Every structure is written in structure tokens, then in C-alpha cells.
Amino acid sequence: MHGNPMPDSYVYVTEEGVTRHYADGSVEALAWEDVVEVRVVTESGEDVHYILLDRDGEGCVVPRSATEATFLARLRYLPDFDLDRLTLAADSAHDGVVVVWRSPDPPTALPDLEYD
């Protein structure tokens, strides 16, 4: 019997934050109130990833394929968040990382991250 393949992760968006559950049982979670930076990562032939970071550089990686309207709607609550900038970065033909939003009071520096 053949069914749909099991996705490698599930993303849950709530009023409190974002949680990503991986198939291996690991979990990434970040409360909205702790988000200080939003990055978009693009690579040719790969899914676009949104990376939400806290002050310590910890965060949650959200594949665009796993997002829904709730995720995008919730990003708009971040102070001065520009959804058009997010869309332009995600649709870019250039590979790379773009910071699309930073808290008005960010930490001095956030580290570069590896993502899955």
C-alpha cells in the first residue's frame, strides 16, 4: 500500500510562537516575543527557508513549503515588518542569506547559522 511520504518536519504557528518538529524527534521553538531577527535563505534547487532568531542566536528554521497564511500574518505583528521585503527575498534568483527584519533593539551581533 502506497501513501503520501512522511514529511521531514512539521511546523506549528500559534499566537505564542513557532515550533518545528523534525522526523528524528528533535524540536526547534521560538516565542514571538523573543524574535529579534528574520532571515531568508535561498539556494538553487532547494526550498527557501525563513530563519527566526533570538538574542542568543538560537532560533527556528521554517521551510517556505511548510508555511501557511498564519505564519505570514503573524510576522506582520513584528514592529515595522515589511512583508513585501520578505517576498522579494524569498523569490530572489540569487543564492544567499538576506536579513529582512531586525528588532529595533537587536543584540550587537548574531552568529551565522547552519540550517537543514
PDB file of N, CA and C in Angstrom:
ATOM      1  N   MET A   1       0.837  -1.172   0.000  1.00  0.00           N
ATOM      2  CA  MET A   1       0.000   0.000   0.000  1.00  0.00           C
ATOM      3  C   MET A   1       0.884   1.239   0.000  1.00  0.00           C
ATOM      4  N   HIS A   2       0.622   2.143  -0.916  1.00  0.00           N
ATOM      5  CA  HIS A   2       1.422   3.349  -1.030  1.00  0.00           C
ATOM      6  C   HIS A   2       0.603   4.545  -0.579  1.00  0.00           C
ATOM      7  N   GLY A   3       1.215   5.373   0.228  1.00  0.00           N
ATOM      8  CA  GLY A   3       0.554   6.587   0.677  1.00  0.00           C
ATOM      9  C   GLY A   3       1.461   7.771   0.431  1.00  0.00           C
ATOM     10  N   ASN A   4       1.075   8.901   0.953  1.00  0.00           N
ATOM     11  CA  ASN A   4       1.915  10.076   0.841  1.00  0.00           C
ATOM     12  C   ASN A   4       3.156   9.881   1.687  1.00  0.00           C
ATOM     13  N   PRO A   5       4.329  10.303   1.201  1.00  0.00           N
ATOM     14  CA  PRO A   5       5.529  10.171   2.015  1.00  0.00           C
ATOM     15  C   PRO A   5       5.430  11.048   3.257  1.00  0.00           C
ATOM     16  N   MET A   6       6.057  10.590   4.316  1.00  0.00           N
ATOM     17  CA  MET A   6       6.059  11.341   5.571  1.00  0.00           C
ATOM     18  C   MET A   6       6.970  12.561   5.423  1.00  0.00           C
ATOM     19  N   PRO A   7       6.483  13.756   5.731  1.00  0.00           N
ATOM     20  CA  PRO A   7       7.338  14.940   5.620  1.00  0.00           C
ATOM     21  C   PRO A   7       8.468  14.869   6.650  1.00  0.00           C
ATOM     22  N   ASP A   8       9.580  15.585   6.348  1.00  0.00           N
ATOM     23  CA  ASP A   8      10.711  15.559   7.268  1.00  0.00           C
ATOM     24  C   ASP A   8      10.486  16.423   8.496  1.00  0.00           C
ATOM     25  N   SER A   9       9.467  17.285   8.457  1.00  0.00           N
ATOM     26  CA  SER A   9       9.175  18.108   9.628  1.00  0.00           C
ATOM     27  C   SER A   9       7.766  18.686   9.538  1.00  0.00           C
ATOM     28  N   TYR A  10       7.286  19.105  10.681  1.00  0.00           N
ATOM     29  CA  TYR A  10       6.005  19.807  10.786  1.00  0.00           C
ATOM     30  C   TYR A  10       6.263  21.140  11.459  1.00  0.00           C
ATOM     31  N   VAL A  11       5.583  22.176  11.020  1.00  0.00           N
ATOM     32  CA  VAL A  11       5.709  23.494  11.616  1.00  0.00           C
ATOM     33  C   VAL A  11       4.360  23.899  12.184  1.00  0.00           C
ATOM     34  N   TYR A  12       4.374  24.338  13.442  1.00  0.00           N
ATOM     35  CA  TYR A  12       3.160  24.823  14.101  1.00  0.00           C
ATOM     36  C   TYR A  12       3.343  26.289  14.440  1.00  0.00           C
ATOM     37  N   VAL A  13       2.365  27.093  14.077  1.00  0.00           N
ATOM     38  CA  VAL A  13       2.385  28.517  14.364  1.00  0.00           C
ATOM     39  C   VAL A  13       1.218  28.813  15.288  1.00  0.00           C
ATOM     40  N   THR A  14       1.522  29.453  16.413  1.00  0.00           N
ATOM     41  CA  THR A  14       0.484  29.854  17.354  1.00  0.00           C
ATOM     42  C   THR A  14       0.666  31.329  17.677  1.00  0.00           C
ATOM     43  N   GLU A  15      -0.206  31.862  18.476  1.00  0.00           N
ATOM     44  CA  GLU A  15      -0.067  33.245  18.938  1.00  0.00           C
ATOM     45  C   GLU A  15       1.173  33.409  19.811  1.00  0.00           C
ATOM     46  N   GLU A  16       1.647  32.314  20.418  1.00  0.00           N
ATOM     47  CA  GLU A  16       2.801  32.371  21.312  1.00  0.00           C
ATOM     48  C   GLU A  16       4.128  32.255  20.564  1.00  0.00           C
ATOM     49  N   GLY A  17       4.163  31.475  19.470  1.00  0.00           N
ATOM     50  CA  GLY A  17       5.427  31.300  18.772  1.00  0.00           C
ATOM     51  C   GLY A  17       5.356  30.287  17.652  1.00  0.00           C
ATOM     52  N   VAL A  18       6.545  29.853  17.220  1.00  0.00           N
ATOM     53  CA  VAL A  18       6.696  28.902  16.126  1.00  0.00           C
ATOM     54  C   VAL A  18       7.452  27.691  16.649  1.00  0.00           C
ATOM     55  N   THR A  19       6.986  26.500  16.254  1.00  0.00           N
ATOM     56  CA  THR A  19       7.642  25.254  16.640  1.00  0.00           C
ATOM     57  C   THR A  19       7.790  24.383  15.409  1.00  0.00           C
ATOM     58  N   ARG A  20       8.989  23.812  15.251  1.00  0.00           N
ATOM     59  CA  ARG A  20       9.230  22.871  14.150  1.00  0.00           C
ATOM     60  C   ARG A  20       9.633  21.533  14.747  1.00  0.00           C
ATOM     61  N   HIS A  21       8.864  20.506  14.421  1.00  0.00           N
ATOM     62  CA  HIS A  21       9.135  19.138  14.864  1.00  0.00           C
ATOM     63  C   HIS A  21       9.746  18.377  13.694  1.00  0.00           C
ATOM     64  N   TYR A  22      10.932  17.806  13.918  1.00  0.00           N
ATOM     65  CA  TYR A  22      11.620  17.027  12.881  1.00  0.00           C
ATOM     66  C   TYR A  22      11.252  15.555  12.997  1.00  0.00           C
ATOM     67  N   ALA A  23      11.405  14.830  11.904  1.00  0.00           N
ATOM     68  CA  ALA A  23      11.091  13.400  11.877  1.00  0.00           C
ATOM     69  C   ALA A  23      11.932  12.616  12.879  1.00  0.00           C
ATOM     70  N   ASP A  24      13.149  13.101  13.192  1.00  0.00           N
ATOM     71  CA  ASP A  24      14.015  12.390  14.148  1.00  0.00           C
ATOM     72  C   ASP A  24      13.649  12.664  15.607  1.00  0.00           C
ATOM     73  N   GLY A  25      12.600  13.451  15.831  1.00  0.00           N
ATOM     74  CA  GLY A  25      12.140  13.739  17.184  1.00  0.00           C
ATOM     75  C   GLY A  25      12.669  15.047  17.764  1.00  0.00           C
ATOM     76  N   SER A  26      13.625  15.679  17.101  1.00  0.00           N
ATOM     77  CA  SER A  26      14.142  16.948  17.611  1.00  0.00           C
ATOM     78  C   SER A  26      13.128  18.067  17.345  1.00  0.00           C
ATOM     79  N   VAL A  27      13.242  19.130  18.136  1.00  0.00           N
ATOM     80  CA  VAL A  27      12.288  20.229  18.067  1.00  0.00           C
ATOM     81  C   VAL A  27      13.036  21.561  18.149  1.00  0.00           C
ATOM     82  N   GLU A  28      12.618  22.511  17.334  1.00  0.00           N
ATOM     83  CA  GLU A  28      13.071  23.899  17.440  1.00  0.00           C
ATOM     84  C   GLU A  28      11.836  24.731  17.756  1.00  0.00           C
ATOM     85  N   ALA A  29      11.974  25.659  18.674  1.00  0.00           N
ATOM     86  CA  ALA A  29      10.834  26.504  19.017  1.00  0.00           C
ATOM     87  C   ALA A  29      11.328  27.892  19.404  1.00  0.00           C
ATOM     88  N   LEU A  30      10.522  28.891  19.100  1.00  0.00           N
ATOM     89  CA  LEU A  30      10.862  30.258  19.453  1.00  0.00           C
ATOM     90  C   LEU A  30       9.570  31.033  19.690  1.00  0.00           C
ATOM     91  N   ALA A  31       9.531  31.724  20.823  1.00  0.00           N
ATOM     92  CA  ALA A  31       8.384  32.574  21.131  1.00  0.00           C
ATOM     93  C   ALA A  31       8.477  33.854  20.311  1.00  0.00           C
ATOM     94  N   TRP A  32       7.336  34.357  19.844  1.00  0.00           N
ATOM     95  CA  TRP A  32       7.338  35.588  19.057  1.00  0.00           C
ATOM     96  C   TRP A  32       7.996  36.728  19.805  1.00  0.00           C
ATOM     97  N   GLU A  33       7.771  36.799  21.098  1.00  0.00           N
ATOM     98  CA  GLU A  33       8.328  37.906  21.874  1.00  0.00           C
ATOM     99  C   GLU A  33       9.855  37.867  21.941  1.00  0.00           C
ATOM    100  N   ASP A  34      10.456  36.725  21.618  1.00  0.00           N
ATOM    101  CA  ASP A  34      11.911  36.586  21.654  1.00  0.00           C
ATOM    102  C   ASP A  34      12.575  36.782  20.297  1.00  0.00           C
ATOM    103  N   VAL A  35      11.785  36.913  19.232  1.00  0.00           N
ATOM    104  CA  VAL A  35      12.348  37.063  17.889  1.00  0.00           C
ATOM    105  C   VAL A  35      12.988  38.450  17.764  1.00  0.00           C
ATOM    106  N   VAL A  36      14.284  38.468  17.366  1.00  0.00           N
ATOM    107  CA  VAL A  36      14.976  39.741  17.147  1.00  0.00           C
ATOM    108  C   VAL A  36      15.456  39.895  15.706  1.00  0.00           C
ATOM    109  N   GLU A  37      15.396  38.802  14.924  1.00  0.00           N
ATOM    110  CA  GLU A  37      15.832  38.890  13.534  1.00  0.00           C
ATOM    111  C   GLU A  37      15.139  37.824  12.703  1.00  0.00           C
ATOM    112  N   VAL A  38      14.825  38.188  11.449  1.00  0.00           N
ATOM    113  CA  VAL A  38      14.249  37.249  10.486  1.00  0.00           C
ATOM    114  C   VAL A  38      15.140  37.271   9.252  1.00  0.00           C
ATOM    115  N   ARG A  39      15.597  36.076   8.854  1.00  0.00           N
ATOM    116  CA  ARG A  39      16.448  35.928   7.669  1.00  0.00           C
ATOM    117  C   ARG A  39      15.737  35.055   6.643  1.00  0.00           C
ATOM    118  N   VAL A  40      16.075  35.266   5.374  1.00  0.00           N
ATOM    119  CA  VAL A  40      15.604  34.409   4.293  1.00  0.00           C
ATOM    120  C   VAL A  40      16.834  33.790   3.652  1.00  0.00           C
ATOM    121  N   VAL A  41      16.825  32.456   3.522  1.00  0.00           N
ATOM    122  CA  VAL A  41      17.931  31.736   2.899  1.00  0.00           C
ATOM    123  C   VAL A  41      17.427  31.101   1.612  1.00  0.00           C
ATOM    124  N   THR A  42      18.122  31.401   0.508  1.00  0.00           N
ATOM    125  CA  THR A  42      17.767  30.818  -0.781  1.00  0.00           C
ATOM    126  C   THR A  42      18.972  30.085  -1.356  1.00  0.00           C
ATOM    127  N   GLU A  43      18.709  28.934  -1.960  1.00  0.00           N
ATOM    128  CA  GLU A  43      19.724  28.157  -2.661  1.00  0.00           C
ATOM    129  C   GLU A  43      19.073  27.531  -3.885  1.00  0.00           C
ATOM    130  N   SER A  44      19.779  27.541  -4.998  1.00  0.00           N
ATOM    131  CA  SER A  44      19.244  26.963  -6.232  1.00  0.00           C
ATOM    132  C   SER A  44      18.811  25.525  -6.013  1.00  0.00           C
ATOM    133  N   GLY A  45      17.606  25.211  -6.444  1.00  0.00           N
ATOM    134  CA  GLY A  45      17.115  23.844  -6.345  1.00  0.00           C
ATOM    135  C   GLY A  45      16.685  23.413  -4.957  1.00  0.00           C
ATOM    136  N   GLU A  46      16.751  24.304  -3.994  1.00  0.00           N
ATOM    137  CA  GLU A  46      16.360  23.972  -2.616  1.00  0.00           C
ATOM    138  C   GLU A  46      15.158  24.810  -2.211  1.00  0.00           C
ATOM    139  N   ASP A  47      14.481  24.350  -1.149  1.00  0.00           N
ATOM    140  CA  ASP A  47      13.379  25.124  -0.592  1.00  0.00           C
ATOM    141  C   ASP A  47      13.931  26.392   0.054  1.00  0.00           C
ATOM    142  N   VAL A  48      13.174  27.465  -0.004  1.00  0.00           N
ATOM    143  CA  VAL A  48      13.529  28.694   0.695  1.00  0.00           C
ATOM    144  C   VAL A  48      13.274  28.467   2.183  1.00  0.00           C
ATOM    145  N   HIS A  49      14.153  29.002   3.035  1.00  0.00           N
ATOM    146  CA  HIS A  49      13.985  28.864   4.479  1.00  0.00           C
ATOM    147  C   HIS A  49      13.906  30.238   5.129  1.00  0.00           C
ATOM    148  N   TYR A  50      12.994  30.367   6.077  1.00  0.00           N
ATOM    149  CA  TYR A  50      12.903  31.551   6.909  1.00  0.00           C
ATOM    150  C   TYR A  50      13.550  31.177   8.243  1.00  0.00           C
ATOM    151  N   ILE A  51      14.466  31.999   8.722  1.00  0.00           N
ATOM    152  CA  ILE A  51      15.129  31.730   9.984  1.00  0.00           C
ATOM    153  C   ILE A  51      14.750  32.825  10.964  1.00  0.00           C
ATOM    154  N   LEU A  52      14.158  32.422  12.071  1.00  0.00           N
ATOM    155  CA  LEU A  52      13.804  33.340  13.150  1.00  0.00           C
ATOM    156  C   LEU A  52      14.835  33.160  14.251  1.00  0.00           C
ATOM    157  N   LEU A  53      15.420  34.255  14.723  1.00  0.00           N
ATOM    158  CA  LEU A  53      16.479  34.177  15.734  1.00  0.00           C
ATOM    159  C   LEU A  53      16.132  34.962  16.985  1.00  0.00           C
ATOM    160  N   ASP A  54      16.646  34.472  18.134  1.00  0.00           N
ATOM    161  CA  ASP A  54      16.520  35.215  19.381  1.00  0.00           C
ATOM    162  C   ASP A  54      17.844  35.916  19.681  1.00  0.00           C
ATOM    163  N   ARG A  55      17.942  36.588  20.812  1.00  0.00           N
ATOM    164  CA  ARG A  55      19.138  37.357  21.179  1.00  0.00           C
ATOM    165  C   ARG A  55      20.401  36.514  21.301  1.00  0.00           C
ATOM    166  N   ASP A  56      20.250  35.229  21.587  1.00  0.00           N
ATOM    167  CA  ASP A  56      21.406  34.347  21.743  1.00  0.00           C
ATOM    168  C   ASP A  56      21.793  33.652  20.445  1.00  0.00           C
ATOM    169  N   GLY A  57      21.110  33.981  19.350  1.00  0.00           N
ATOM    170  CA  GLY A  57      21.395  33.342  18.073  1.00  0.00           C
ATOM    171  C   GLY A  57      20.727  31.992  17.919  1.00  0.00           C
ATOM    172  N   GLU A  58      19.890  31.621  18.884  1.00  0.00           N
ATOM    173  CA  GLU A  58      19.111  30.393  18.792  1.00  0.00           C
ATOM    174  C   GLU A  58      17.852  30.710  17.993  1.00  0.00           C
ATOM    175  N   GLY A  59      17.308  29.705  17.356  1.00  0.00           N
ATOM    176  CA  GLY A  59      16.124  30.019  16.599  1.00  0.00           C
ATOM    177  C   GLY A  59      15.376  28.838  16.058  1.00  0.00           C
ATOM    178  N   CYS A  60      14.599  29.135  15.045  1.00  0.00           N
ATOM    179  CA  CYS A  60      13.740  28.156  14.415  1.00  0.00           C
ATOM    180  C   CYS A  60      13.819  28.367  12.910  1.00  0.00           C
ATOM    181  N   VAL A  61      14.118  27.292  12.182  1.00  0.00           N
ATOM    182  CA  VAL A  61      14.203  27.330  10.727  1.00  0.00           C
ATOM    183  C   VAL A  61      12.875  26.827  10.166  1.00  0.00           C
ATOM    184  N   VAL A  62      12.249  27.651   9.344  1.00  0.00           N
ATOM    185  CA  VAL A  62      10.932  27.316   8.795  1.00  0.00           C
ATOM    186  C   VAL A  62      11.021  27.245   7.274  1.00  0.00           C
ATOM    187  N   PRO A  63      10.841  26.068   6.684  1.00  0.00           N
ATOM    188  CA  PRO A  63      10.839  25.970   5.225  1.00  0.00           C
ATOM    189  C   PRO A  63       9.610  26.667   4.644  1.00  0.00           C
ATOM    190  N   ARG A  64       9.795  27.381   3.539  1.00  0.00           N
ATOM    191  CA  ARG A  64       8.650  28.062   2.927  1.00  0.00           C
ATOM    192  C   ARG A  64       7.555  27.057   2.571  1.00  0.00           C
ATOM    193  N   SER A  65       7.952  25.848   2.178  1.00  0.00           N
ATOM    194  CA  SER A  65       6.961  24.836   1.813  1.00  0.00           C
ATOM    195  C   SER A  65       6.079  24.438   2.991  1.00  0.00           C
ATOM    196  N   ALA A  66       6.524  24.724   4.203  1.00  0.00           N
ATOM    197  CA  ALA A  66       5.753  24.360   5.399  1.00  0.00           C
ATOM    198  C   ALA A  66       4.989  25.546   5.980  1.00  0.00           C
ATOM    199  N   THR A  67       5.082  26.703   5.328  1.00  0.00           N
ATOM    200  CA  THR A  67       4.399  27.876   5.872  1.00  0.00           C
ATOM    201  C   THR A  67       2.963  27.936   5.373  1.00  0.00           C
ATOM    202  N   GLU A  68       2.212  28.696   6.062  1.00  0.00           N
ATOM    203  CA  GLU A  68       0.821  28.936   5.693  1.00  0.00           C
ATOM    204  C   GLU A  68       0.507  30.389   5.977  1.00  0.00           C
ATOM    205  N   ALA A  69      -0.671  30.800   5.677  1.00  0.00           N
ATOM    206  CA  ALA A  69      -1.063  32.195   5.866  1.00  0.00           C
ATOM    207  C   ALA A  69      -0.897  32.642   7.312  1.00  0.00           C
ATOM    208  N   THR A  70      -1.099  31.746   8.266  1.00  0.00           N
ATOM    209  CA  THR A  70      -0.969  32.095   9.691  1.00  0.00           C
ATOM    210  C   THR A  70       0.444  32.579  10.004  1.00  0.00           C
ATOM    211  N   PHE A  71       1.452  31.911   9.452  1.00  0.00           N
ATOM    212  CA  PHE A  71       2.845  32.298   9.689  1.00  0.00           C
ATOM    213  C   PHE A  71       3.106  33.705   9.151  1.00  0.00           C
ATOM    214  N   LEU A  72       2.719  33.936   7.899  1.00  0.00           N
ATOM    215  CA  LEU A  72       2.945  35.245   7.297  1.00  0.00           C
ATOM    216  C   LEU A  72       2.153  36.339   8.004  1.00  0.00           C
ATOM    217  N   ALA A  73       0.935  36.024   8.385  1.00  0.00           N
ATOM    218  CA  ALA A  73       0.118  37.009   9.103  1.00  0.00           C
ATOM    219  C   ALA A  73       0.749  37.359  10.444  1.00  0.00           C
ATOM    220  N   ARG A  74       1.307  36.379  11.118  1.00  0.00           N
ATOM    221  CA  ARG A  74       1.904  36.626  12.433  1.00  0.00           C
ATOM    222  C   ARG A  74       3.186  37.441  12.331  1.00  0.00           C
ATOM    223  N   LEU A  75       3.944  37.260  11.254  1.00  0.00           N
ATOM    224  CA  LEU A  75       5.152  38.074  11.061  1.00  0.00           C
ATOM    225  C   LEU A  75       4.826  39.564  11.010  1.00  0.00           C
ATOM    226  N   ARG A  76       3.662  39.887  10.504  1.00  0.00           N
ATOM    227  CA  ARG A  76       3.261  41.298  10.390  1.00  0.00           C
ATOM    228  C   ARG A  76       3.145  42.003  11.742  1.00  0.00           C
ATOM    229  N   TYR A  77       3.037  41.231  12.811  1.00  0.00           N
ATOM    230  CA  TYR A  77       2.960  41.827  14.149  1.00  0.00           C
ATOM    231  C   TYR A  77       4.321  42.269  14.665  1.00  0.00           C
ATOM    232  N   LEU A  78       5.406  41.847  14.014  1.00  0.00           N
ATOM    233  CA  LEU A  78       6.726  42.321  14.417  1.00  0.00           C
ATOM    234  C   LEU A  78       6.812  43.799  14.057  1.00  0.00           C
ATOM    235  N   PRO A  79       7.394  44.630  14.912  1.00  0.00           N
ATOM    236  CA  PRO A  79       7.411  46.082  14.662  1.00  0.00           C
ATOM    237  C   PRO A  79       8.027  46.432  13.304  1.00  0.00           C
ATOM    238  N   ASP A  80       7.263  47.143  12.487  1.00  0.00           N
ATOM    239  CA  ASP A  80       7.706  47.618  11.173  1.00  0.00           C
ATOM    240  C   ASP A  80       8.121  46.497  10.224  1.00  0.00           C
ATOM    241  N   PHE A  81       7.536  45.303  10.379  1.00  0.00           N
ATOM    242  CA  PHE A  81       7.872  44.201   9.480  1.00  0.00           C
ATOM    243  C   PHE A  81       7.330  44.504   8.089  1.00  0.00           C
ATOM    244  N   ASP A  82       8.159  44.266   7.071  1.00  0.00           N
ATOM    245  CA  ASP A  82       7.801  44.542   5.679  1.00  0.00           C
ATOM    246  C   ASP A  82       7.616  43.216   4.937  1.00  0.00           C
ATOM    247  N   LEU A  83       6.367  42.805   4.754  1.00  0.00           N
ATOM    248  CA  LEU A  83       6.070  41.543   4.087  1.00  0.00           C
ATOM    249  C   LEU A  83       6.536  41.549   2.623  1.00  0.00           C
ATOM    250  N   ASP A  84       6.513  42.717   1.981  1.00  0.00           N
ATOM    251  CA  ASP A  84       6.994  42.807   0.600  1.00  0.00           C
ATOM    252  C   ASP A  84       8.493  42.496   0.526  1.00  0.00           C
ATOM    253  N   ARG A  85       9.253  42.962   1.496  1.00  0.00           N
ATOM    254  CA  ARG A  85      10.700  42.672   1.524  1.00  0.00           C
ATOM    255  C   ARG A  85      10.944  41.172   1.692  1.00  0.00           C
ATOM    256  N   LEU A  86      10.153  40.533   2.548  1.00  0.00           N
ATOM    257  CA  LEU A  86      10.253  39.087   2.740  1.00  0.00           C
ATOM    258  C   LEU A  86       9.970  38.363   1.430  1.00  0.00           C
ATOM    259  N   THR A  87       8.916  38.749   0.744  1.00  0.00           N
ATOM    260  CA  THR A  87       8.527  38.119  -0.509  1.00  0.00           C
ATOM    261  C   THR A  87       9.597  38.302  -1.579  1.00  0.00           C
ATOM    262  N   LEU A  88      10.138  39.504  -1.693  1.00  0.00           N
ATOM    263  CA  LEU A  88      11.196  39.764  -2.672  1.00  0.00           C
ATOM    264  C   LEU A  88      12.429  38.907  -2.395  1.00  0.00           C
ATOM    265  N   ALA A  89      12.822  38.797  -1.137  1.00  0.00           N
ATOM    266  CA  ALA A  89      13.993  37.989  -0.779  1.00  0.00           C
ATOM    267  C   ALA A  89      13.735  36.513  -1.066  1.00  0.00           C
ATOM    268  N   ALA A  90      12.542  36.033  -0.754  1.00  0.00           N
ATOM    269  CA  ALA A  90      12.214  34.618  -0.958  1.00  0.00           C
ATOM    270  C   ALA A  90      12.123  34.274  -2.435  1.00  0.00           C
ATOM    271  N   ASP A  91      11.707  35.216  -3.250  1.00  0.00           N
ATOM    272  CA  ASP A  91      11.549  34.966  -4.685  1.00  0.00           C
ATOM    273  C   ASP A  91      12.804  35.303  -5.487  1.00  0.00           C
ATOM    274  N   SER A  92      13.853  35.732  -4.801  1.00  0.00           N
ATOM    275  CA  SER A  92      15.097  36.121  -5.459  1.00  0.00           C
ATOM    276  C   SER A  92      15.739  34.936  -6.176  1.00  0.00           C
ATOM    277  N   ALA A  93      16.324  35.228  -7.312  1.00  0.00           N
ATOM    278  CA  ALA A  93      17.037  34.186  -8.056  1.00  0.00           C
ATOM    279  C   ALA A  93      18.460  34.021  -7.537  1.00  0.00           C
ATOM    280  N   HIS A  94      18.881  34.885  -6.608  1.00  0.00           N
ATOM    281  CA  HIS A  94      20.232  34.839  -6.065  1.00  0.00           C
ATOM    282  C   HIS A  94      20.299  33.918  -4.855  1.00  0.00           C
ATOM    283  N   ASP A  95      21.347  33.106  -4.791  1.00  0.00           N
ATOM    284  CA  ASP A  95      21.569  32.267  -3.617  1.00  0.00           C
ATOM    285  C   ASP A  95      22.158  33.134  -2.510  1.00  0.00           C
ATOM    286  N   GLY A  96      21.740  32.879  -1.287  1.00  0.00           N
ATOM    287  CA  GLY A  96      22.331  33.613  -0.183  1.00  0.00           C
ATOM    288  C   GLY A  96      21.380  33.802   0.970  1.00  0.00           C
ATOM    289  N   VAL A  97      21.823  34.644   1.900  1.00  0.00           N
ATOM    290  CA  VAL A  97      21.065  34.947   3.108  1.00  0.00           C
ATOM    291  C   VAL A  97      20.783  36.445   3.125  1.00  0.00           C
ATOM    292  N   VAL A  98      19.517  36.796   3.379  1.00  0.00           N
ATOM    293  CA  VAL A  98      19.119  38.191   3.459  1.00  0.00           C
ATOM    294  C   VAL A  98      18.418  38.409   4.794  1.00  0.00           C
ATOM    295  N   VAL A  99      18.882  39.407   5.543  1.00  0.00           N
ATOM    296  CA  VAL A  99      18.175  39.805   6.759  1.00  0.00           C
ATOM    297  C   VAL A  99      17.033  40.699   6.314  1.00  0.00           C
ATOM    298  N   VAL A 100      15.796  40.255   6.561  1.00  0.00           N
ATOM    299  CA  VAL A 100      14.630  41.024   6.109  1.00  0.00           C
ATOM    300  C   VAL A 100      13.989  41.825   7.232  1.00  0.00           C
ATOM    301  N   TRP A 101      14.361  41.510   8.468  1.00  0.00           N
ATOM    302  CA  TRP A 101      13.833  42.281   9.599  1.00  0.00           C
ATOM    303  C   TRP A 101      14.773  42.125  10.783  1.00  0.00           C
ATOM    304  N   ARG A 102      14.938  43.217  11.512  1.00  0.00           N
ATOM    305  CA  ARG A 102      15.727  43.195  12.738  1.00  0.00           C
ATOM    306  C   ARG A 102      14.984  44.030  13.774  1.00  0.00           C
ATOM    307  N   SER A 103      14.978  43.554  14.985  1.00  0.00           N
ATOM    308  CA  SER A 103      14.319  44.257  16.077  1.00  0.00           C
ATOM    309  C   SER A 103      14.877  45.670  16.207  1.00  0.00           C
ATOM    310  N   PRO A 104      14.045  46.614  16.626  1.00  0.00           N
ATOM    311  CA  PRO A 104      14.557  47.969  16.853  1.00  0.00           C
ATOM    312  C   PRO A 104      15.644  47.993  17.939  1.00  0.00           C
ATOM    313  N   ASP A 105      15.702  46.954  18.772  1.00  0.00           N
ATOM    314  CA  ASP A 105      16.703  46.877  19.842  1.00  0.00           C
ATOM    315  C   ASP A 105      17.415  45.526  19.775  1.00  0.00           C
ATOM    316  N   PRO A 106      18.142  45.261  18.654  1.00  0.00           N
ATOM    317  CA  PRO A 106      18.774  43.946  18.499  1.00  0.00           C
ATOM    318  C   PRO A 106      20.048  43.822  19.325  1.00  0.00           C
ATOM    319  N   PRO A 107      20.531  42.591  19.500  1.00  0.00           N
ATOM    320  CA  PRO A 107      21.831  42.405  20.126  1.00  0.00           C
ATOM    321  C   PRO A 107      22.919  42.950  19.198  1.00  0.00           C
ATOM    322  N   THR A 108      24.130  43.057  19.689  1.00  0.00           N
ATOM    323  CA  THR A 108      25.216  43.636  18.892  1.00  0.00           C
ATOM    324  C   THR A 108      25.518  42.824  17.648  1.00  0.00           C
ATOM    325  N   ALA A 109      25.492  41.503  17.756  1.00  0.00           N
ATOM    326  CA  ALA A 109      25.777  40.665  16.589  1.00  0.00           C
ATOM    327  C   ALA A 109      25.152  39.298  16.774  1.00  0.00           C
ATOM    328  N   LEU A 110      24.618  38.760  15.707  1.00  0.00           N
ATOM    329  CA  LEU A 110      24.090  37.406  15.725  1.00  0.00           C
ATOM    330  C   LEU A 110      25.001  36.530  14.869  1.00  0.00           C
ATOM    331  N   PRO A 111      25.204  35.285  15.260  1.00  0.00           N
ATOM    332  CA  PRO A 111      26.103  34.421  14.506  1.00  0.00           C
ATOM    333  C   PRO A 111      25.478  33.936  13.205  1.00  0.00           C
ATOM    334  N   ASP A 112      26.346  33.519  12.262  1.00  0.00           N
ATOM    335  CA  ASP A 112      25.866  32.844  11.071  1.00  0.00           C
ATOM    336  C   ASP A 112      25.425  31.451  11.506  1.00  0.00           C
ATOM    337  N   LEU A 113      24.365  30.954  10.903  1.00  0.00           N
ATOM    338  CA  LEU A 113      23.824  29.658  11.302  1.00  0.00           C
ATOM    339  C   LEU A 113      23.867  28.677  10.161  1.00  0.00           C
ATOM    340  N   GLU A 114      24.013  27.426  10.513  1.00  0.00           N
ATOM    341  CA  GLU A 114      23.812  26.340   9.574  1.00  0.00           C
ATOM    342  C   GLU A 114      22.330  26.012   9.625  1.00  0.00           C
ATOM    343  N   TYR A 115      21.742  25.580   8.541  1.00  0.00           N
ATOM    344  CA  TYR A 115      20.333  25.213   8.555  1.00  0.00           C
ATOM    345  C   TYR A 115      20.163  23.902   7.819  1.00  0.00           C
ATOM    346  N   ASP A 116      19.034  23.262   8.079  1.00  0.00           N
ATOM    347  CA  ASP A 116      18.697  21.992   7.417  1.00  0.00           C
ATOM    348  C   ASP A 116      17.715  22.234   6.320  1.00  0.00           C
TER     349      ASP A 116
END
